[in-house]
Amino acid sequence: MTDTPANQFIGRFFYQQPLRTRVILAQLPFSLTVALAVVMIAFLYPSLLNNPQLVISLWLNGFLLGASILVPWDKLPRASFLVIPYLDFVAVAFFREGIQALLSSAGVLVLFPIFWICASGFAPKTAVISSTVASLLIVWNPIFQSGQPTPEALIRPLLFPFMMLGFAIAVVLLTSSMNGQRATLEAKDRLLHAALTESQKRERLLETIVDTVGVGVVAVDAQGNDLLMNATQAAIHALGRPHDIADPREKELLLFAPDWAPLSEDARPVRRAILGESFTNYQIWIGAGEQARALSTTARTIHYDDNTTDGAVIAFHDVTDMVNALAAKDDFVANVSHEFRTPLTAIQSYLALALETPGLRPQEVEQYLEIAERNAQRLAGLVSDLLTTASLTVERAPKDVARLLADSLSSAAPAAAANAVTVESHCQEPLLAMVDGVRISQVLDNLVSNAVKYSPDGGTLTVRAWADGTDLHCQVKDTGLGMNTTERAGVFTKFFRAGSALERGIPGIGLGLMISKTIIDTHGGTLTMDSEPGAGTTMSFVIPACVLSPDTDLN
């Protein structure tokens, strides 16, 4: 059964209405027809308006229309509203007698209550019988009132009741069919609604699942149009959007190969996927500058049971940290190898001279051995730095921080001269503090040597140290290369090397600042950094409640 426009109209404007509204709509055609007949009578036979039976019919019709409007039928027992059409038969009988058969169509008014009763769906057999009996009584009523109910008189008007019988049966059959159709449609509607609800639940479940995973997921159709994209992928997609394109196509995204060469259109992940390729761990870069991220992409084509395909699903996994870690590992191995090679080469060379050069004087042998020893100590220091962890301990004693700072600047003076760095020192003297002198010297050496190393083009190194109450303050400021936001975020991590240091081949293994922060933290202080690319770097540390009185005995 199909849901025709007529069925939709009837369903919307009748069956879906409240019961009281349906009762009014069912009674209204009868009342309007009676009203139209009264207008015709007033125009053609005005004297009939004084007929008592017509007056009774009109009052009864008005009463029934008012009852249809005012009675709360939905609060009464089922089918109680059928009292209205049954009383309509009475109104038709009085109306037919009141107009004295001057309107031949007056008897047809019984079609309204018959249709209502038979179409109500309640007791269809009873509805047919009662409608036929009511029609029969209406046509026999004048005969009984005349007092001459002869067989001939009773048989002559039987055609009309039989016509009403046929009409009643037709209405019952039609109503039964329509009710069956409506029930079928309602059942289908419930099934469709349940299926839609289940589909919406599954869709929300799928969206929740793909938004939960930490991998970007996008599903596309055969033309590459997005069908589904989770929140992670939306954020990744935004990284590759050019500034001048609000909604770029994939070929317009900022996508690059691992060597940072721009990806051609056919080499892009979504394009490869919709062309039917399936791949795993296809690495690309997206975005530019500090926001660029390394991605590992995987794609699978969507296959159906009939071996057809329609689009693909592509996953984007952010592997930037792993790529950076691998690069850091390679840099670390290279830097450690370089740092170890220099002292090892010196040790081997001078020991070989001492062993293989004949006729060396003791003074020369001692000189060679001293050089080898210094390089061995340097090598031991590198190993110590590699082994330094957060479990480091300090041994506090009264120390002159001004003297420690002066020693660090003195040690860095040759490197500063080589890089054309001007050194300025502003230190309160004396500056006595209860600190671990060896460890604080290590911090100062790291900060000062870094400031010199990262000023390869010259500049100014400014060192300040002062007391604020009992708090020790120190600041090391340079005007060198500086660092960007990403580099600043990782500056205190183990084996970290700034990009500018790698590009310029500045030596180091990325442990100095991590060790320095560990030492200051162990003292209960804080080490902070402020840096901008091309504007230099400022390293500052504060150790609270350690400054001593200037007249404290250091022995």
Protein backbone atom coordinates (compact mmCIF):
# COMPACT_ATOMS: atom_id res chain seq x y z
CA MET A 1 0.00 0.00 0.00
CA THR A 2 1.31 3.42 -0.88
CA ASP A 3 0.88 6.56 1.14
CA THR A 4 -1.01 8.69 -1.43
CA PRO A 5 -1.38 12.48 -1.13
CA ALA A 6 -5.07 11.97 -0.27
CA ASN A 7 -4.16 9.61 2.58
CA GLN A 8 -1.54 12.06 3.78
CA PHE A 9 -4.10 14.91 3.69
CA ILE A 10 -6.76 12.89 5.57
CA GLY A 11 -4.20 11.68 8.08
CA ARG A 12 -2.83 15.14 8.78
CA PHE A 13 -6.12 17.08 8.88
CA PHE A 14 -8.41 14.46 10.43
CA TYR A 15 -6.94 11.32 12.02
CA GLN A 16 -4.03 13.17 13.64
CA GLN A 17 -6.36 15.75 15.20
CA PRO A 18 -7.76 15.54 18.79
CA LEU A 19 -11.04 13.63 19.21
CA ARG A 20 -13.11 16.77 19.87
CA THR A 21 -11.83 18.33 16.62
CA ARG A 22 -12.66 15.17 14.68
CA VAL A 23 -16.23 15.16 16.10
CA ILE A 24 -16.70 18.79 15.06
CA LEU A 25 -15.33 18.09 11.55
CA ALA A 26 -17.66 15.08 11.20
CA GLN A 27 -20.81 17.00 12.29
CA LEU A 28 -20.03 20.25 10.48
CA PRO A 29 -20.97 19.12 6.91
CA PHE A 30 -24.43 18.00 8.11
CA SER A 31 -25.03 21.28 9.96
CA LEU A 32 -23.85 23.39 7.01
CA THR A 33 -26.05 21.46 4.60
CA VAL A 34 -29.08 21.97 6.87
CA ALA A 35 -28.22 25.66 7.09
CA LEU A 36 -28.05 25.91 3.29
CA ALA A 37 -31.42 24.14 3.02
CA VAL A 38 -32.93 26.63 5.49
CA VAL A 39 -31.69 29.51 3.33
CA MET A 40 -33.35 27.93 0.29
CA ILE A 41 -36.60 27.39 2.23
CA ALA A 42 -36.58 30.98 3.45
CA PHE A 43 -36.22 32.14 -0.15
CA LEU A 44 -38.68 29.70 -1.76
CA TYR A 45 -41.17 28.74 0.99
CA PRO A 46 -40.84 31.24 3.86
CA SER A 47 -44.10 30.07 5.43
CA LEU A 48 -42.50 26.70 6.27
CA LEU A 49 -40.20 28.35 8.80
CA ASN A 50 -43.16 28.35 11.19
CA ASN A 51 -43.66 24.58 10.92
CA PRO A 52 -43.16 23.09 14.43
CA GLN A 53 -41.41 19.96 13.11
CA LEU A 54 -38.92 22.08 11.08
CA VAL A 55 -38.29 24.28 14.09
CA ILE A 56 -37.64 21.17 16.24
CA SER A 57 -35.22 19.87 13.59
CA LEU A 58 -33.31 23.16 13.45
CA TRP A 59 -33.06 23.42 17.25
CA LEU A 60 -31.92 19.81 17.46
CA ASN A 61 -29.30 20.44 14.76
CA GLY A 62 -27.99 23.48 16.62
CA PHE A 63 -27.91 21.54 19.88
CA LEU A 64 -25.95 18.70 18.31
CA LEU A 65 -23.41 21.10 16.75
CA GLY A 66 -22.97 22.83 20.13
CA ALA A 67 -22.55 19.46 21.87
CA SER A 68 -19.89 18.49 19.32
CA ILE A 69 -17.96 21.64 20.20
CA LEU A 70 -18.43 21.77 23.98
CA VAL A 71 -18.45 18.16 25.19
CA PRO A 72 -14.98 16.77 26.18
CA TRP A 73 -15.37 13.58 24.17
CA ASP A 74 -11.82 12.35 24.91
CA LYS A 75 -12.76 12.09 28.61
CA LEU A 76 -15.91 10.00 27.95
CA PRO A 77 -16.10 6.26 27.15
CA ARG A 78 -15.04 5.16 23.66
CA ALA A 79 -17.60 5.60 20.88
CA SER A 80 -19.77 7.82 23.07
CA PHE A 81 -19.56 10.48 20.35
CA LEU A 82 -21.74 8.24 18.08
CA VAL A 83 -24.77 9.56 19.94
CA ILE A 84 -24.43 12.64 17.70
CA PRO A 85 -24.99 10.88 14.32
CA TYR A 86 -27.77 8.70 15.77
CA LEU A 87 -29.58 11.87 16.90
CA ASP A 88 -28.93 13.30 13.42
CA PHE A 89 -31.34 10.65 12.12
CA VAL A 90 -34.00 12.18 14.38
CA ALA A 91 -33.17 15.64 13.09
CA VAL A 92 -33.44 14.39 9.49
CA ALA A 93 -36.84 12.82 10.23
CA PHE A 94 -38.23 16.07 11.69
CA PHE A 95 -36.65 18.11 8.87
CA ARG A 96 -38.16 15.86 6.18
CA GLU A 97 -41.62 16.13 7.72
CA GLY A 98 -41.25 19.84 8.41
CA ILE A 99 -40.66 20.80 4.79
CA GLN A 100 -43.56 18.56 3.61
CA ALA A 101 -41.48 16.95 0.84
CA LEU A 102 -41.10 20.29 -0.96
CA LEU A 103 -37.34 19.65 -1.22
CA SER A 104 -36.89 16.26 -2.83
CA SER A 105 -33.30 15.95 -1.68
CA ALA A 106 -34.10 16.37 2.01
CA GLY A 107 -34.04 12.62 2.67
CA VAL A 108 -30.49 12.39 1.32
CA LEU A 109 -29.36 14.14 4.52
CA VAL A 110 -29.27 10.69 6.10
CA LEU A 111 -26.09 10.06 4.12
CA PHE A 112 -24.17 12.23 6.61
CA PRO A 113 -24.96 10.27 9.78
CA ILE A 114 -24.76 6.95 7.89
CA PHE A 115 -21.27 7.82 6.61
CA TRP A 116 -20.15 8.97 10.07
CA ILE A 117 -21.44 5.84 11.84
CA CYS A 118 -20.12 3.39 9.25
CA ALA A 119 -16.76 5.15 8.89
CA SER A 120 -16.17 5.30 12.66
CA GLY A 121 -14.82 1.73 12.68
CA PHE A 122 -16.91 0.73 15.72
CA ALA A 123 -19.12 -2.40 15.34
CA PRO A 124 -19.40 -2.31 11.52
CA LYS A 125 -22.29 -4.84 11.37
CA THR A 126 -24.29 -2.90 13.92
CA ALA A 127 -23.52 0.31 12.01
CA VAL A 128 -24.90 -1.14 8.75
CA ILE A 129 -28.04 -2.55 10.39
CA SER A 130 -28.81 0.54 12.48
CA SER A 131 -28.27 2.86 9.49
CA THR A 132 -30.63 0.78 7.34
CA VAL A 133 -33.28 0.61 10.10
CA ALA A 134 -33.02 4.37 10.70
CA SER A 135 -33.47 5.07 6.96
CA LEU A 136 -36.44 2.71 6.89
CA LEU A 137 -38.09 4.40 9.90
CA ILE A 138 -37.60 7.83 8.32
CA VAL A 139 -39.47 6.83 5.13
CA TRP A 140 -42.14 4.86 7.03
CA ASN A 141 -42.76 7.60 9.59
CA PRO A 142 -45.23 9.60 7.41
CA ILE A 143 -47.13 6.39 6.60
CA PHE A 144 -47.62 5.50 10.25
CA GLN A 145 -48.56 9.11 11.06
CA SER A 146 -51.26 9.02 8.29
CA GLY A 147 -52.85 5.99 9.98
CA GLN A 148 -52.94 3.98 6.69
CA PRO A 149 -49.91 1.58 6.82
CA THR A 150 -51.02 -0.64 3.94
CA PRO A 151 -48.59 -3.19 2.46
CA GLU A 152 -48.46 -1.23 -0.78
CA ALA A 153 -47.66 2.00 1.08
CA LEU A 154 -44.94 0.28 3.12
CA ILE A 155 -43.31 -1.39 0.09
CA ARG A 156 -43.29 1.68 -2.21
CA PRO A 157 -40.46 3.62 -0.33
CA LEU A 158 -38.23 0.54 0.33
CA LEU A 159 -35.85 1.43 -2.52
CA PHE A 160 -34.41 4.31 -0.50
CA PRO A 161 -33.53 2.21 2.60
CA PHE A 162 -31.95 -0.45 0.38
CA MET A 163 -29.88 2.25 -1.31
CA MET A 164 -28.73 3.40 2.11
CA LEU A 165 -27.95 -0.23 2.97
CA GLY A 166 -25.66 -0.44 -0.06
CA PHE A 167 -24.09 2.90 0.82
CA ALA A 168 -23.51 1.77 4.41
CA ILE A 169 -21.88 -1.48 3.28
CA ALA A 170 -19.65 0.40 0.83
CA VAL A 171 -18.57 2.86 3.51
CA VAL A 172 -17.80 0.03 5.95
CA LEU A 173 -15.72 -1.81 3.35
CA LEU A 174 -13.92 1.35 2.28
CA THR A 175 -13.24 2.32 5.88
CA SER A 176 -11.95 -1.15 6.72
CA SER A 177 -9.60 -0.97 3.74
CA MET A 178 -8.41 2.50 4.68
CA ASN A 179 -7.95 1.49 8.30
CA GLY A 180 -5.93 -1.49 7.14
CA GLN A 181 -3.82 0.74 4.96
CA ARG A 182 -3.40 3.23 7.77
CA ALA A 183 -2.42 0.49 10.21
CA THR A 184 0.10 -0.87 7.70
CA LEU A 185 1.51 2.60 7.11
CA GLU A 186 1.68 3.29 10.84
CA ALA A 187 3.51 -0.02 11.36
CA LYS A 188 5.93 0.86 8.57
CA ASP A 189 6.32 4.33 10.03
CA ARG A 190 7.17 2.85 13.43
CA LEU A 191 9.69 0.51 11.82
CA LEU A 192 11.22 3.36 9.84
CA HIS A 193 11.33 5.56 12.95
CA ALA A 194 12.98 2.75 14.92
CA ALA A 195 15.46 2.17 12.08
CA LEU A 196 16.17 5.90 11.88
CA THR A 197 16.69 6.10 15.64
CA GLU A 198 19.01 3.09 15.54
CA SER A 199 20.88 4.60 12.59
CA GLN A 200 21.29 7.89 14.46
CA LYS A 201 22.56 6.01 17.52
CA ARG A 202 25.07 4.12 15.40
CA GLU A 203 26.13 7.35 13.71
CA ARG A 204 26.66 9.06 17.08
CA LEU A 205 28.54 5.98 18.32
CA LEU A 206 30.76 6.03 15.24
CA GLU A 207 31.41 9.77 15.61
CA THR A 208 32.24 9.31 19.30
CA ILE A 209 34.61 6.44 18.53
CA VAL A 210 36.51 8.25 15.78
CA ASP A 211 36.69 11.41 17.90
CA THR A 212 38.06 9.40 20.83
CA VAL A 213 41.06 7.94 19.03
CA GLY A 214 44.16 10.10 18.88
CA VAL A 215 44.56 9.53 15.14
CA GLY A 216 43.12 11.71 12.41
CA VAL A 217 40.52 9.79 10.38
CA VAL A 218 38.80 10.93 7.19
CA ALA A 219 36.45 8.99 4.90
CA VAL A 220 36.03 10.22 1.32
CA ASP A 221 33.86 9.23 -1.63
CA ALA A 222 35.14 8.27 -5.07
CA GLN A 223 35.54 11.95 -5.98
CA GLY A 224 37.54 12.76 -2.86
CA ASN A 225 34.73 14.63 -1.07
CA ASP A 226 34.77 14.30 2.71
CA LEU A 227 32.12 11.96 4.13
CA LEU A 228 33.42 11.81 7.69
CA MET A 229 36.21 13.63 9.50
CA ASN A 230 36.98 13.35 13.21
CA ALA A 231 38.09 16.23 15.43
CA THR A 232 41.74 15.19 15.37
CA GLN A 233 41.82 15.22 11.58
CA ALA A 234 40.03 18.59 11.48
CA ALA A 235 42.86 20.06 13.59
CA ILE A 236 45.49 18.41 11.36
CA HIS A 237 43.69 19.63 8.23
CA ALA A 238 43.72 23.19 9.60
CA LEU A 239 47.54 23.07 9.83
CA GLY A 240 47.81 22.60 6.07
CA ARG A 241 45.35 25.34 5.10
CA PRO A 242 46.98 28.22 3.22
CA HIS A 243 46.27 31.62 4.75
CA ASP A 244 44.49 32.88 1.62
CA ILE A 245 42.18 29.86 1.07
CA ALA A 246 39.29 29.29 3.51
CA ASP A 247 38.30 25.80 2.29
CA PRO A 248 41.18 24.35 0.27
CA ARG A 249 41.08 21.19 -1.79
CA GLU A 250 43.68 18.54 -1.05
CA LYS A 251 45.92 19.65 -3.90
CA GLU A 252 46.01 23.13 -2.32
CA LEU A 253 47.04 21.94 1.17
CA LEU A 254 50.58 22.57 2.39
CA LEU A 255 51.84 18.98 2.11
CA PHE A 256 55.51 18.04 1.77
CA ALA A 257 57.65 14.93 1.37
CA PRO A 258 60.02 13.88 4.18
CA ASP A 259 62.78 15.95 2.48
CA TRP A 260 60.41 18.98 2.47
CA ALA A 261 59.86 18.89 -1.28
CA PRO A 262 56.24 19.87 -2.14
CA LEU A 263 54.07 16.82 -2.82
CA SER A 264 52.65 16.55 -6.33
CA GLU A 265 48.89 16.07 -6.66
CA ASP A 266 49.11 12.33 -7.38
CA ALA A 267 51.49 11.78 -4.44
CA ARG A 268 49.06 13.15 -1.86
CA PRO A 269 47.45 10.57 0.48
CA VAL A 270 43.76 11.16 -0.33
CA ARG A 271 44.46 11.29 -4.06
CA ARG A 272 46.39 8.02 -3.91
CA ALA A 273 43.57 6.43 -1.88
CA ILE A 274 40.73 7.37 -4.26
CA LEU A 275 42.83 6.08 -7.17
CA GLY A 276 42.60 2.66 -5.52
CA GLU A 277 45.93 2.46 -3.68
CA SER A 278 46.22 0.97 -0.21
CA PHE A 279 49.31 1.91 1.76
CA THR A 280 50.76 1.94 5.28
CA ASN A 281 53.18 4.33 7.00
CA TYR A 282 53.40 6.77 4.09
CA GLN A 283 55.20 9.71 5.72
CA ILE A 284 54.57 13.35 4.88
CA TRP A 285 54.82 16.79 6.48
CA ILE A 286 51.86 19.17 6.77
CA GLY A 287 51.97 22.88 7.47
CA ALA A 288 54.88 25.27 7.51
CA GLY A 289 57.19 26.87 10.02
CA GLU A 290 56.93 26.04 13.70
CA GLN A 291 53.41 24.57 13.22
CA ALA A 292 54.56 21.87 10.77
CA ARG A 293 53.84 18.29 11.83
CA ALA A 294 55.13 14.96 10.57
CA LEU A 295 52.38 12.47 9.68
CA SER A 296 52.33 8.75 9.03
CA THR A 297 49.38 7.99 6.74
CA THR A 298 47.53 4.72 6.12
CA ALA A 299 44.74 4.20 3.56
CA ARG A 300 42.28 1.45 2.72
CA THR A 301 39.73 1.38 -0.11
CA ILE A 302 36.03 0.86 0.74
CA HIS A 303 34.92 -2.46 -0.83
CA TYR A 304 31.34 -3.77 -1.16
CA ASP A 305 30.02 -7.34 -1.49
CA ASP A 306 29.65 -6.99 -5.26
CA ASN A 307 33.38 -6.17 -5.55
CA THR A 308 32.68 -2.51 -6.31
CA THR A 309 34.55 0.30 -4.57
CA ASP A 310 33.42 3.75 -3.52
CA GLY A 311 35.95 5.97 -1.80
CA ALA A 312 38.44 5.23 0.93
CA VAL A 313 39.33 5.75 4.59
CA ILE A 314 42.62 7.45 5.41
CA ALA A 315 44.24 7.64 8.86
CA PHE A 316 46.76 10.36 9.77
CA HIS A 317 49.04 9.63 12.76
CA ASP A 318 51.09 12.51 14.17
CA VAL A 319 54.68 11.17 14.44
CA THR A 320 56.42 14.51 14.89
CA ASP A 321 57.77 13.58 18.32
CA MET A 322 59.09 10.27 17.02
CA VAL A 323 60.72 11.90 13.99
CA ASN A 324 62.28 14.55 16.22
CA ALA A 325 63.40 11.87 18.67
CA LEU A 326 65.07 9.89 15.89
CA ALA A 327 66.73 13.05 14.61
CA ALA A 328 67.81 13.91 18.16
CA LYS A 329 69.23 10.41 18.57
CA ASP A 330 71.24 10.75 15.38
CA ASP A 331 72.43 14.20 16.44
CA PHE A 332 73.31 12.92 19.90
CA VAL A 333 75.34 10.00 18.56
CA ALA A 334 77.12 12.31 16.11
CA ASN A 335 77.79 14.98 18.76
CA VAL A 336 78.94 12.52 21.43
CA SER A 337 81.19 10.83 18.90
CA HIS A 338 82.64 14.21 17.95
CA GLU A 339 83.07 15.32 21.56
CA PHE A 340 84.67 12.03 22.58
CA ARG A 341 86.90 11.86 19.52
CA THR A 342 88.80 15.07 20.26
CA PRO A 343 90.10 14.19 23.76
CA LEU A 344 90.62 10.55 22.81
CA THR A 345 92.69 11.58 19.80
CA ALA A 346 94.78 13.89 22.00
CA ILE A 347 95.32 11.16 24.62
CA GLN A 348 96.30 8.63 21.99
CA SER A 349 98.60 11.06 20.21
CA TYR A 350 100.53 12.26 23.26
CA LEU A 351 100.80 8.79 24.75
CA ALA A 352 102.17 7.57 21.40
CA LEU A 353 104.71 10.40 21.42
CA ALA A 354 105.75 9.52 24.94
CA LEU A 355 106.09 5.84 24.07
CA GLU A 356 107.54 5.99 20.57
CA THR A 357 109.82 9.05 20.57
CA PRO A 358 113.35 7.98 21.56
CA GLY A 359 115.54 10.12 23.78
CA LEU A 360 112.74 12.17 25.37
CA ARG A 361 113.71 14.12 28.41
CA PRO A 362 111.68 13.54 31.59
CA GLN A 363 110.32 17.09 31.36
CA GLU A 364 108.94 16.42 27.85
CA VAL A 365 107.41 13.11 28.92
CA GLU A 366 105.74 14.85 31.86
CA GLN A 367 104.38 17.54 29.53
CA TYR A 368 102.89 14.90 27.20
CA LEU A 369 101.36 13.05 30.11
CA GLU A 370 99.87 16.24 31.55
CA ILE A 371 98.18 16.95 28.22
CA ALA A 372 96.87 13.39 28.09
CA GLU A 373 95.65 13.74 31.69
CA ARG A 374 93.77 16.97 30.93
CA ASN A 375 92.05 15.34 27.98
CA ALA A 376 91.26 12.29 30.10
CA GLN A 377 89.68 14.62 32.67
CA ARG A 378 87.72 16.29 29.91
CA LEU A 379 86.56 12.88 28.75
CA ALA A 380 85.61 11.96 32.32
CA GLY A 381 83.63 15.19 32.57
CA LEU A 382 81.67 14.30 29.43
CA VAL A 383 80.89 10.87 30.85
CA SER A 384 79.88 12.48 34.15
CA ASP A 385 77.52 14.78 32.30
CA LEU A 386 75.93 11.81 30.56
CA LEU A 387 75.35 10.08 33.88
CA THR A 388 74.02 13.12 35.74
CA THR A 389 70.32 12.66 36.71
CA ALA A 390 67.71 14.27 38.94
CA SER A 391 69.09 12.28 41.89
CA LEU A 392 72.06 14.69 42.02
CA THR A 393 72.92 15.90 45.55
CA VAL A 394 74.58 19.13 46.74
CA GLU A 395 76.84 19.88 49.66
CA ARG A 396 76.35 23.45 50.83
CA ALA A 397 79.11 25.58 52.28
CA PRO A 398 79.80 29.34 52.48
CA LYS A 399 81.07 30.45 49.05
CA ASP A 400 81.80 33.78 47.35
CA VAL A 401 79.59 33.69 44.25
CA ALA A 402 81.41 36.75 42.87
CA ARG A 403 84.65 34.74 42.84
CA LEU A 404 82.93 31.75 41.21
CA LEU A 405 81.53 34.02 38.51
CA ALA A 406 84.90 35.63 37.89
CA ASP A 407 86.50 32.18 37.44
CA SER A 408 83.83 31.21 34.90
CA LEU A 409 84.32 34.41 32.90
CA SER A 410 88.07 33.89 32.98
CA SER A 411 87.71 30.36 31.61
CA ALA A 412 85.41 31.59 28.81
CA ALA A 413 87.59 34.56 27.87
CA PRO A 414 89.51 32.80 25.03
CA ALA A 415 86.31 31.54 23.39
CA ALA A 416 84.70 35.00 23.82
CA ALA A 417 87.68 36.62 22.15
CA ALA A 418 87.53 34.10 19.30
CA ASN A 419 83.83 34.94 18.68
CA ALA A 420 84.40 38.71 19.16
CA VAL A 421 82.04 38.73 22.15
CA THR A 422 82.33 41.66 24.55
CA VAL A 423 81.97 40.60 28.18
CA GLU A 424 80.37 42.87 30.79
CA SER A 425 80.20 41.85 34.45
CA HIS A 426 78.07 43.52 37.11
CA CYS A 427 78.43 41.56 40.32
CA GLN A 428 77.95 42.60 43.91
CA GLU A 429 81.20 42.01 45.82
CA PRO A 430 81.51 40.19 48.04
CA LEU A 431 78.46 37.99 47.43
CA LEU A 432 78.55 35.26 50.04
CA ALA A 433 76.02 32.43 49.88
CA MET A 434 75.47 28.99 51.38
CA VAL A 435 75.69 26.91 48.16
CA ASP A 436 77.56 23.97 46.65
CA GLY A 437 80.49 25.84 45.10
CA VAL A 438 81.42 23.08 42.66
CA ARG A 439 77.86 22.71 41.36
CA ILE A 440 77.18 26.46 41.10
CA SER A 441 80.50 26.83 39.23
CA GLN A 442 79.24 24.12 36.85
CA VAL A 443 75.99 26.08 36.31
CA LEU A 444 77.87 29.35 35.68
CA ASP A 445 80.31 27.62 33.30
CA ASN A 446 77.39 26.15 31.33
CA LEU A 447 75.46 29.41 31.09
CA VAL A 448 78.49 31.54 30.20
CA SER A 449 79.92 29.05 27.69
CA ASN A 450 76.49 28.69 26.01
CA ALA A 451 76.16 32.47 25.73
CA VAL A 452 79.56 32.63 24.02
CA LYS A 453 78.96 29.60 21.76
CA TYR A 454 75.58 30.89 20.59
CA SER A 455 77.04 34.30 19.72
CA PRO A 456 79.22 33.20 16.76
CA ASP A 457 78.79 36.54 15.03
CA GLY A 458 79.92 38.59 18.02
CA GLY A 459 77.81 40.65 20.37
CA THR A 460 77.69 41.42 24.07
CA LEU A 461 77.62 39.05 27.04
CA THR A 462 76.28 40.71 30.18
CA VAL A 463 76.50 38.91 33.51
CA ARG A 464 74.81 40.16 36.68
CA ALA A 465 74.69 38.73 40.20
CA TRP A 466 73.15 40.35 43.28
CA ALA A 467 71.42 39.72 46.55
CA ASP A 468 67.78 40.56 47.19
CA GLY A 469 67.46 40.15 50.91
CA THR A 470 68.67 36.58 51.45
CA ASP A 471 67.81 35.50 47.88
CA LEU A 472 70.61 35.04 45.36
CA HIS A 473 69.93 36.34 41.85
CA CYS A 474 72.05 35.74 38.75
CA GLN A 475 71.47 36.67 35.11
CA VAL A 476 73.45 35.77 31.99
CA LYS A 477 72.35 37.69 28.88
CA ASP A 478 73.67 37.51 25.32
CA THR A 479 72.76 39.11 22.00
CA GLY A 480 73.32 35.98 19.95
CA LEU A 481 71.18 33.64 17.85
CA GLY A 482 68.23 33.21 20.22
CA MET A 483 65.55 30.49 20.01
CA ASN A 484 61.99 30.17 18.71
CA THR A 485 58.92 29.01 20.64
CA THR A 486 59.36 25.32 19.83
CA GLU A 487 63.03 25.35 20.85
CA ARG A 488 62.27 27.18 24.10
CA ALA A 489 59.76 24.46 25.01
CA GLY A 490 62.43 21.74 24.89
CA VAL A 491 65.49 23.63 26.08
CA PHE A 492 65.69 21.88 29.48
CA THR A 493 65.24 18.35 28.11
CA LYS A 494 68.09 15.86 27.84
CA PHE A 495 70.11 15.93 24.59
CA PHE A 496 68.24 18.95 23.26
CA ARG A 497 70.01 20.93 20.53
CA ALA A 498 68.67 24.11 18.98
CA GLY A 499 68.19 24.14 15.22
CA SER A 500 70.56 27.09 14.83
CA ALA A 501 73.29 25.13 16.64
CA LEU A 502 72.86 22.17 14.33
CA GLU A 503 72.86 24.36 11.23
CA ARG A 504 76.09 26.14 12.26
CA GLY A 505 77.79 23.02 13.62
CA ILE A 506 78.15 24.43 17.14
CA PRO A 507 79.58 21.63 19.33
CA GLY A 508 77.69 20.17 22.30
CA ILE A 509 75.67 17.16 23.40
CA GLY A 510 72.59 18.94 24.79
CA LEU A 511 73.10 18.25 28.50
CA GLY A 512 74.35 21.54 29.93
CA LEU A 513 71.06 23.29 30.56
CA MET A 514 69.36 20.12 31.80
CA ILE A 515 72.17 19.59 34.32
CA SER A 516 72.11 23.28 35.29
CA LYS A 517 68.38 23.17 35.95
CA THR A 518 68.79 20.00 38.03
CA ILE A 519 71.48 21.71 40.17
CA ILE A 520 69.39 24.87 40.71
CA ASP A 521 66.27 22.78 41.48
CA THR A 522 68.24 20.75 44.01
CA HIS A 523 69.24 24.05 45.69
CA GLY A 524 65.51 24.86 45.95
CA GLY A 525 65.74 27.58 43.29
CA THR A 526 64.40 28.20 39.79
CA LEU A 527 66.16 28.53 36.42
CA THR A 528 64.27 30.39 33.68
CA MET A 529 64.93 31.49 30.12
CA ASP A 530 63.75 34.32 27.88
CA SER A 531 64.75 34.17 24.24
CA GLU A 532 63.76 35.45 20.81
CA PRO A 533 65.22 34.46 17.42
CA GLY A 534 67.96 36.92 16.44
CA ALA A 535 67.56 38.92 19.66
CA GLY A 536 69.58 36.75 22.04
CA THR A 537 68.87 34.79 25.19
CA THR A 538 68.64 35.64 28.88
CA MET A 539 69.16 32.88 31.46
CA SER A 540 68.24 33.70 35.05
CA PHE A 541 68.28 31.76 38.28
CA VAL A 542 67.21 32.52 41.84
CA ILE A 543 68.21 30.55 44.93
CA PRO A 544 66.16 31.62 47.95
CA ALA A 545 67.36 32.08 51.54
CA CYS A 546 71.04 31.40 50.88
CA VAL A 547 72.81 34.80 50.98
CA LEU A 548 75.10 35.31 54.00
CA SER A 549 76.36 38.39 55.78
CA PRO A 550 79.45 39.95 54.10
CA ASP A 551 81.54 39.39 57.26
CA THR A 552 80.90 35.62 57.26
CA ASP A 553 84.11 33.58 57.66
CA LEU A 554 84.67 31.38 54.59
CA ASN A 555 87.20 29.10 56.33
